[in-house]
Amino acid sequence: MKILVINCGSSTIKYQLFNMASKEVLCSGLVEKIGESMSRITHKKFPDKPEATKTVIEERFPTHAEGMRKAVEMMMTGDTAVIHDVNEIKGIGHRVVHGGSYIKPMLVTNEVIENLTKVIPLAPLHNPAHLIGIRVAQEIFKDAKHVVVFDTAFHQTMPDYAKLYPLPLEYYDKYQVRKYGAHGTSHKYVAKKAAELLGKPLSHCNLITCHIGSGSSISAIKDGKCIDTSMGLTPLDGLMMGTRCGSIDPAVVGFLMRNANMSIDEVDTLMTKKSGLLGVCGYNDMRDVHAQIEKGEEKAKLALNMLTYRIRTFIGAYLAQLAGQVDALVWTAGVGENDEIVRRDSLKGMEAFGLKLDEEANMKRPGEYALISASDSKIKIYVIRTNEELEIANETMALIA
């Protein structure tokens, strides 16, 4: 059985096509910078040889719909093709950031679509993109079964004192206002991989997992279960991100509305789409931020320092919540896996708490995983390439098999 996994982010689409009999990846791809002046699709075809055949095309994709259609076109035509007919694909697994009350994978139905539309305010950057991906995929793959897998599921083990806000409880009872978290599929995958590397059952592992990308979150995992995570009711909370501000004084909202004459929608757009790295220095991609730092741009340096300060703050908090009994700290996602400067700067001064980098190992480009802690580091530090797509494919297969 072939299963296609679609992971629509706020400005990206990641996809992988699996042959589930062998867990072989037939092709994978990344559509990035959607909605910007120029977008890019990188498509990798995996033939029966060690290297993938990579094709990169620069083309403007105004929305996720154009990017998705281009990805499917590349799967089926020309030298990049890996299937001849869309009916070869029997299942489509869709990553969804926020499922509201859903905590398990679900077959896509009209009711599910309606409910995901209702919770758009909880993930305004992501859920609209997910819904576009689902609708476009349903048009293209009419006979396949479509499954949604939720990023919130892994965080359902948070205790009440961690997930509830100190608001009157009636707002939780009536509106379900609470912390949900996100990136759960990624945190779950790298936690399982870290346990393998440690040679221990996941249920015996205490971990801090850092999913750092255009969207970022950090989770504290005790005995294999999430006990806290940095994102909250929505993916706006927590760390500074590409275009999102992360945690700030909530009174800023009212302050801006009263003093800058902004509407609630304008403030929401400001904090979700115009803040973070973009708001501070004008760039939301860390590759661009580093390039500007090399040119002596002070705002870019400030943005880097703000980002790593906040990462270090959450790591310190979760070290405390785990009483210092941490087996490993894991870096993953686009920035976490590939940006040695962010990793290095985020861990400055953490040696006293058991986190000591091997500077040389940190500078090397990791493969599927790498150990980058010094030999005398109390806590192991890993870079682990996340594979949310495989996790989603497995859950999709289990539901439709």
Protein backbone atom coordinates (compact mmCIF):
# COMPACT_ATOMS: atom_id res chain seq x y z
CA MET A 1 0.00 0.00 0.00
CA LYS A 2 1.22 3.49 -0.88
CA ILE A 3 0.48 6.31 1.55
CA LEU A 4 1.12 9.97 0.89
CA VAL A 5 1.72 12.22 3.88
CA ILE A 6 1.02 15.93 3.53
CA ASN A 7 2.32 18.37 6.13
CA CYS A 8 1.15 21.91 5.40
CA GLY A 9 2.85 24.48 7.61
CA SER A 10 2.26 28.20 7.83
CA SER A 11 4.47 28.89 4.78
CA THR A 12 5.55 25.40 3.68
CA ILE A 13 4.32 22.04 2.42
CA LYS A 14 6.31 18.93 3.22
CA TYR A 15 5.32 15.66 1.60
CA GLN A 16 6.51 12.07 1.48
CA LEU A 17 5.19 9.09 -0.41
CA PHE A 18 5.71 5.76 1.35
CA ASN A 19 5.54 2.15 0.24
CA MET A 20 4.23 0.86 3.56
CA ALA A 21 5.13 -2.76 2.86
CA SER A 22 8.81 -1.87 3.15
CA LYS A 23 8.51 1.61 4.80
CA GLU A 24 10.47 2.79 1.76
CA VAL A 25 10.23 6.46 0.82
CA LEU A 26 9.47 6.73 -2.90
CA CYS A 27 9.74 10.51 -3.00
CA SER A 28 9.76 13.48 -0.71
CA GLY A 29 9.60 17.19 -1.15
CA LEU A 30 9.46 20.61 0.38
CA VAL A 31 7.59 23.61 -0.94
CA GLU A 32 8.80 26.71 0.89
CA LYS A 33 8.35 30.47 1.04
CA ILE A 34 4.70 30.17 -0.01
CA GLY A 35 3.15 33.59 -0.49
CA GLU A 36 6.49 35.36 -0.86
CA SER A 37 7.83 37.01 -4.00
CA MET A 38 9.51 33.75 -5.05
CA SER A 39 8.84 30.24 -3.80
CA ARG A 40 10.79 27.03 -4.20
CA ILE A 41 9.98 23.33 -4.50
CA THR A 42 12.63 20.72 -3.81
CA HIS A 43 11.56 17.26 -4.94
CA LYS A 44 13.59 14.14 -4.21
CA LYS A 45 13.00 10.88 -6.05
CA PHE A 46 14.42 7.76 -4.41
CA PRO A 47 15.36 5.14 -7.03
CA ASP A 48 17.15 1.87 -6.35
CA LYS A 49 20.47 3.49 -5.62
CA PRO A 50 22.01 5.20 -2.60
CA GLU A 51 21.43 8.81 -3.65
CA ALA A 52 18.14 10.52 -4.25
CA THR A 53 17.61 12.42 -7.48
CA LYS A 54 16.94 15.99 -6.42
CA THR A 55 15.10 18.54 -8.56
CA VAL A 56 14.76 22.17 -7.48
CA ILE A 57 12.33 24.55 -9.18
CA GLU A 58 11.82 28.19 -8.29
CA GLU A 59 8.33 29.38 -9.04
CA ARG A 60 5.91 31.65 -7.23
CA PHE A 61 3.17 29.87 -5.28
CA PRO A 62 0.73 32.51 -3.98
CA THR A 63 -1.10 29.95 -1.81
CA HIS A 64 -0.76 26.37 -0.62
CA ALA A 65 -3.11 25.21 -3.40
CA GLU A 66 -0.63 26.05 -6.17
CA GLY A 67 2.23 24.48 -4.24
CA MET A 68 0.29 21.27 -3.62
CA ARG A 69 -0.73 20.89 -7.25
CA LYS A 70 2.87 21.38 -8.36
CA ALA A 71 4.07 18.69 -5.95
CA VAL A 72 1.55 16.17 -7.31
CA GLU A 73 2.48 17.10 -10.86
CA MET A 74 6.12 16.27 -10.09
CA MET A 75 5.15 12.92 -8.55
CA MET A 76 3.41 11.88 -11.75
CA THR A 77 5.20 13.41 -14.73
CA GLY A 78 8.63 13.54 -16.31
CA ASP A 79 11.88 12.41 -14.74
CA THR A 80 10.59 13.17 -11.24
CA ALA A 81 7.65 10.74 -11.48
CA VAL A 82 7.27 7.83 -9.06
CA ILE A 83 3.66 6.84 -9.83
CA HIS A 84 1.66 6.55 -13.04
CA ASP A 85 -1.85 6.96 -11.65
CA VAL A 86 -3.24 8.72 -8.60
CA ASN A 87 -5.21 5.58 -7.73
CA GLU A 88 -1.94 3.88 -6.75
CA ILE A 89 -2.11 5.94 -3.56
CA LYS A 90 -4.63 4.40 -1.18
CA GLY A 91 -4.25 6.64 1.85
CA ILE A 92 -3.45 10.29 2.52
CA GLY A 93 -2.27 11.27 5.98
CA HIS A 94 -2.72 14.95 6.82
CA ARG A 95 -0.87 16.63 9.65
CA VAL A 96 -3.14 19.01 11.57
CA VAL A 97 -1.72 21.34 14.20
CA HIS A 98 -4.88 21.87 16.23
CA GLY A 99 -7.70 19.39 16.49
CA GLY A 100 -9.60 20.98 19.34
CA SER A 101 -11.22 18.10 21.20
CA TYR A 102 -9.82 15.47 18.79
CA ILE A 103 -6.92 13.56 20.31
CA LYS A 104 -6.71 10.53 17.99
CA PRO A 105 -6.34 10.15 14.21
CA MET A 106 -9.66 10.45 12.37
CA LEU A 107 -10.96 9.64 8.91
CA VAL A 108 -11.81 12.87 7.12
CA THR A 109 -15.55 13.46 6.98
CA ASN A 110 -17.66 16.56 6.44
CA GLU A 111 -18.15 16.72 10.22
CA VAL A 112 -14.38 16.64 10.81
CA ILE A 113 -13.85 19.39 8.22
CA GLU A 114 -16.54 21.48 9.90
CA ASN A 115 -14.99 21.03 13.33
CA LEU A 116 -11.49 21.87 12.07
CA THR A 117 -12.91 25.02 10.51
CA LYS A 118 -14.39 26.01 13.88
CA VAL A 119 -11.00 25.77 15.62
CA ILE A 120 -9.17 27.94 13.07
CA PRO A 121 -8.92 30.71 15.71
CA LEU A 122 -6.77 28.32 17.78
CA ALA A 123 -4.25 27.91 14.94
CA PRO A 124 -4.85 30.80 12.51
CA LEU A 125 -1.59 30.30 10.60
CA HIS A 126 -1.84 26.53 10.27
CA ASN A 127 -5.36 25.15 10.21
CA PRO A 128 -6.39 27.16 7.11
CA ALA A 129 -3.35 25.72 5.33
CA HIS A 130 -4.22 22.19 6.51
CA LEU A 131 -7.78 22.56 5.27
CA ILE A 132 -6.55 23.74 1.87
CA GLY A 133 -4.25 20.72 1.69
CA ILE A 134 -7.10 18.38 2.58
CA ARG A 135 -9.48 19.90 0.02
CA VAL A 136 -6.93 19.93 -2.80
CA ALA A 137 -5.87 16.35 -2.00
CA GLN A 138 -9.50 15.21 -1.96
CA GLU A 139 -9.94 16.67 -5.44
CA ILE A 140 -6.83 14.95 -6.77
CA PHE A 141 -7.07 11.64 -4.88
CA LYS A 142 -10.80 11.01 -5.01
CA ASP A 143 -10.66 7.29 -4.20
CA ALA A 144 -8.07 7.42 -1.41
CA LYS A 145 -8.94 7.43 2.27
CA HIS A 146 -7.94 10.65 3.98
CA VAL A 147 -6.83 10.70 7.61
CA VAL A 148 -6.03 13.63 9.90
CA VAL A 149 -3.38 13.24 12.61
CA PHE A 150 -3.24 15.91 15.30
CA ASP A 151 -0.20 17.62 16.76
CA THR A 152 -2.04 18.13 20.02
CA ALA A 153 -2.37 14.42 20.82
CA PHE A 154 1.09 13.83 22.35
CA HIS A 155 0.55 16.62 24.88
CA GLN A 156 -2.69 15.25 26.33
CA THR A 157 -0.71 13.71 29.22
CA MET A 158 0.05 17.13 30.74
CA PRO A 159 -1.24 17.32 34.32
CA ASP A 160 -4.02 19.78 35.07
CA TYR A 161 -1.71 22.15 36.93
CA ALA A 162 0.43 22.47 33.78
CA LYS A 163 -2.27 22.66 31.13
CA LEU A 164 -4.78 24.94 32.87
CA TYR A 165 -4.48 28.74 32.96
CA PRO A 166 -5.05 30.68 36.19
CA LEU A 167 -8.32 32.08 34.85
CA PRO A 168 -11.73 31.33 36.37
CA LEU A 169 -12.32 27.65 35.63
CA GLU A 170 -15.65 28.46 33.99
CA TYR A 171 -13.69 29.52 30.89
CA TYR A 172 -12.18 26.06 30.65
CA ASP A 173 -15.52 24.39 31.31
CA LYS A 174 -17.41 26.51 28.78
CA TYR A 175 -14.80 27.31 26.12
CA GLN A 176 -12.05 24.72 26.74
CA VAL A 177 -9.48 27.50 27.27
CA ARG A 178 -6.31 25.59 28.21
CA LYS A 179 -2.87 24.70 26.94
CA TYR A 180 -2.92 22.22 24.04
CA GLY A 181 0.62 22.41 22.65
CA ALA A 182 1.67 21.61 19.10
CA HIS A 183 4.36 19.76 17.10
CA GLY A 184 3.36 16.68 19.07
CA THR A 185 4.02 14.30 16.20
CA SER A 186 7.60 15.56 15.96
CA HIS A 187 8.20 15.53 19.72
CA LYS A 188 6.85 11.97 19.87
CA TYR A 189 9.02 10.76 17.00
CA VAL A 190 12.31 12.20 18.28
CA ALA A 191 11.55 11.08 21.84
CA LYS A 192 11.20 7.49 20.62
CA LYS A 193 14.41 7.81 18.60
CA ALA A 194 16.29 9.27 21.58
CA ALA A 195 15.17 6.36 23.73
CA GLU A 196 16.59 3.97 21.12
CA LEU A 197 19.91 5.83 21.12
CA LEU A 198 20.00 5.79 24.91
CA GLY A 199 19.28 2.06 24.94
CA LYS A 200 16.32 2.50 27.28
CA PRO A 201 12.55 2.08 27.01
CA LEU A 202 10.87 5.42 26.34
CA SER A 203 8.86 4.90 29.53
CA HIS A 204 12.15 5.14 31.47
CA CYS A 205 13.39 8.33 29.75
CA ASN A 206 13.32 11.95 30.85
CA LEU A 207 13.90 14.26 27.89
CA ILE A 208 13.77 17.87 26.76
CA THR A 209 12.89 18.01 23.07
CA CYS A 210 13.46 21.24 21.10
CA HIS A 211 11.53 21.52 17.83
CA ILE A 212 13.00 24.72 16.41
CA GLY A 213 11.90 25.87 12.95
CA SER A 214 9.75 28.62 11.48
CA GLY A 215 7.38 27.48 14.23
CA SER A 216 9.05 26.33 17.44
CA SER A 217 8.21 24.56 20.67
CA ILE A 218 10.01 22.80 23.51
CA SER A 219 8.59 19.91 25.54
CA ALA A 220 9.44 18.36 28.88
CA ILE A 221 9.02 14.57 28.85
CA LYS A 222 9.02 12.52 32.05
CA ASP A 223 8.96 8.73 31.90
CA GLY A 224 8.13 8.99 28.20
CA LYS A 225 5.10 11.26 28.65
CA CYS A 226 4.78 14.98 28.02
CA ILE A 227 4.38 16.93 31.26
CA ASP A 228 4.70 20.42 29.78
CA THR A 229 5.22 22.18 26.47
CA SER A 230 5.86 25.76 25.44
CA MET A 231 2.92 26.32 23.08
CA GLY A 232 -0.44 27.00 24.65
CA LEU A 233 -4.06 27.41 23.58
CA THR A 234 -2.69 28.27 20.15
CA PRO A 235 0.70 27.93 18.41
CA LEU A 236 1.35 31.62 19.13
CA ASP A 237 2.53 31.01 22.69
CA GLY A 238 6.01 30.14 23.90
CA LEU A 239 9.16 30.76 21.91
CA MET A 240 9.93 33.60 19.53
CA MET A 241 9.43 32.20 16.00
CA GLY A 242 9.71 33.18 12.36
CA THR A 243 6.71 35.52 12.31
CA ARG A 244 5.16 34.85 15.75
CA CYS A 245 6.01 36.78 18.89
CA GLY A 246 5.64 33.91 21.37
CA SER A 247 5.01 34.67 25.05
CA ILE A 248 4.50 38.32 25.88
CA ASP A 249 2.60 40.28 28.51
CA PRO A 250 -1.07 39.69 27.58
CA ALA A 251 -1.80 43.30 28.49
CA VAL A 252 0.05 44.29 25.30
CA VAL A 253 -3.10 43.38 23.36
CA GLY A 254 -5.30 45.88 25.17
CA PHE A 255 -2.52 48.46 25.22
CA LEU A 256 -2.17 48.38 21.42
CA MET A 257 -5.91 48.46 20.90
CA ARG A 258 -6.28 51.54 23.10
CA ASN A 259 -3.13 53.44 22.17
CA ALA A 260 -2.44 52.41 18.56
CA ASN A 261 -6.14 52.27 17.60
CA MET A 262 -5.74 48.68 16.42
CA SER A 263 -8.61 46.21 16.12
CA ILE A 264 -8.37 42.76 17.67
CA ASP A 265 -7.90 41.29 14.19
CA GLU A 266 -5.07 43.73 13.48
CA VAL A 267 -3.34 42.82 16.73
CA ASP A 268 -3.79 39.13 15.97
CA THR A 269 -2.25 39.59 12.51
CA LEU A 270 0.59 41.62 14.00
CA MET A 271 1.46 38.92 16.54
CA THR A 272 1.08 35.91 14.26
CA LYS A 273 2.32 37.16 10.89
CA LYS A 274 4.42 40.29 11.43
CA SER A 275 6.37 39.63 14.63
CA GLY A 276 9.12 37.23 15.73
CA LEU A 277 12.29 37.30 13.67
CA LEU A 278 10.47 39.12 10.87
CA GLY A 279 9.27 41.88 13.15
CA VAL A 280 12.65 42.46 14.76
CA CYS A 281 14.97 42.36 11.75
CA GLY A 282 12.85 42.03 8.62
CA TYR A 283 13.70 38.37 7.88
CA ASN A 284 11.89 35.24 9.04
CA ASP A 285 14.39 32.66 7.74
CA MET A 286 17.45 32.02 9.94
CA ARG A 287 19.60 31.61 6.84
CA ASP A 288 18.78 35.19 5.91
CA VAL A 289 19.29 36.34 9.50
CA HIS A 290 22.81 34.87 9.59
CA ALA A 291 23.60 36.45 6.21
CA GLN A 292 22.59 39.85 7.57
CA ILE A 293 24.68 39.34 10.72
CA GLU A 294 27.72 38.67 8.53
CA LYS A 295 27.05 42.04 6.88
CA GLY A 296 27.08 43.72 10.30
CA GLU A 297 23.32 44.22 10.61
CA GLU A 298 22.65 44.92 14.31
CA LYS A 299 18.91 44.16 14.15
CA ALA A 300 19.69 40.66 12.85
CA LYS A 301 22.13 40.09 15.72
CA LEU A 302 19.46 41.31 18.16
CA ALA A 303 16.95 38.87 16.65
CA LEU A 304 19.37 35.95 17.08
CA ASN A 305 20.07 36.92 20.68
CA MET A 306 16.37 37.26 21.46
CA LEU A 307 15.65 33.85 19.95
CA THR A 308 18.42 31.98 21.78
CA TYR A 309 17.66 33.77 25.07
CA ARG A 310 14.10 32.48 24.98
CA ILE A 311 15.15 28.94 24.02
CA ARG A 312 17.60 28.91 26.94
CA THR A 313 14.87 30.18 29.28
CA PHE A 314 12.51 27.29 28.45
CA ILE A 315 15.29 24.70 28.64
CA GLY A 316 16.16 26.00 32.11
CA ALA A 317 12.53 25.88 33.21
CA TYR A 318 12.13 22.28 32.08
CA LEU A 319 15.38 21.24 33.73
CA ALA A 320 13.77 22.46 36.93
CA GLN A 321 10.46 20.69 36.25
CA LEU A 322 12.38 17.44 35.69
CA ALA A 323 14.40 18.07 38.87
CA GLY A 324 17.62 17.96 36.86
CA GLN A 325 17.08 14.26 36.10
CA VAL A 326 17.34 14.51 32.33
CA ASP A 327 18.73 11.77 30.10
CA ALA A 328 19.02 13.85 26.94
CA LEU A 329 18.26 17.15 25.27
CA VAL A 330 17.20 16.77 21.64
CA TRP A 331 17.37 19.34 18.83
CA THR A 332 15.14 18.82 15.82
CA ALA A 333 13.28 20.56 12.93
CA GLY A 334 14.73 22.93 10.34
CA VAL A 335 16.69 25.25 12.62
CA GLY A 336 17.32 22.75 15.38
CA GLU A 337 18.83 20.23 12.98
CA ASN A 338 20.82 22.58 10.77
CA ASP A 339 21.79 25.70 12.71
CA GLU A 340 24.86 25.08 14.84
CA ILE A 341 24.98 28.76 15.88
CA VAL A 342 21.48 28.68 17.37
CA ARG A 343 22.30 25.45 19.22
CA ARG A 344 25.59 26.86 20.52
CA ASP A 345 24.22 30.21 21.62
CA SER A 346 21.12 28.69 23.22
CA LEU A 347 23.29 26.54 25.49
CA LYS A 348 25.72 29.26 26.57
CA GLY A 349 26.25 29.13 30.32
CA MET A 350 24.37 25.83 30.70
CA GLU A 351 27.45 23.75 31.56
CA ALA A 352 26.73 24.12 35.27
CA PHE A 353 23.36 22.45 34.68
CA GLY A 354 24.87 19.43 32.94
CA LEU A 355 24.65 20.58 29.31
CA LYS A 356 28.07 20.83 27.65
CA LEU A 357 28.50 20.90 23.89
CA ASP A 358 31.28 19.26 21.95
CA GLU A 359 32.07 22.31 19.80
CA GLU A 360 33.59 20.28 16.97
CA ALA A 361 30.71 17.78 16.84
CA ASN A 362 28.20 20.64 16.91
CA MET A 363 29.77 22.19 13.81
CA LYS A 364 29.41 19.05 11.70
CA ARG A 365 26.36 18.52 9.52
CA PRO A 366 24.38 15.71 11.17
CA GLY A 367 22.79 12.83 9.29
CA GLU A 368 19.76 11.06 10.70
CA TYR A 369 21.12 11.77 14.16
CA ALA A 370 24.28 12.93 15.91
CA LEU A 371 25.59 13.08 19.46
CA ILE A 372 26.95 16.60 19.98
CA SER A 373 27.51 16.68 23.74
CA ALA A 374 31.00 16.63 25.24
CA SER A 375 32.21 13.37 26.78
CA ASP A 376 31.94 14.89 30.27
CA SER A 377 28.46 16.35 29.75
CA LYS A 378 26.07 15.07 32.41
CA ILE A 379 23.18 15.22 29.94
CA LYS A 380 23.53 13.85 26.42
CA ILE A 381 22.74 16.30 23.62
CA TYR A 382 21.46 14.91 20.33
CA VAL A 383 20.49 16.29 16.97
CA ILE A 384 17.80 14.00 15.58
CA ARG A 385 16.21 14.50 12.19
CA THR A 386 12.50 14.54 12.77
CA ASN A 387 10.27 12.35 10.64
CA GLU A 388 6.76 13.47 11.34
CA GLU A 389 5.76 12.04 7.98
CA LEU A 390 6.71 8.47 8.91
CA GLU A 391 4.89 8.82 12.23
CA ILE A 392 1.80 10.11 10.40
CA ALA A 393 2.07 7.35 7.75
CA ASN A 394 2.15 4.68 10.45
CA GLU A 395 -0.89 6.13 12.19
CA THR A 396 -2.72 6.50 8.87
CA MET A 397 -1.94 2.91 7.95
CA ALA A 398 -3.14 1.67 11.33
CA LEU A 399 -6.47 3.44 10.93
CA ILE A 400 -7.31 2.47 7.34
CA ALA A 401 -5.71 -1.00 7.13
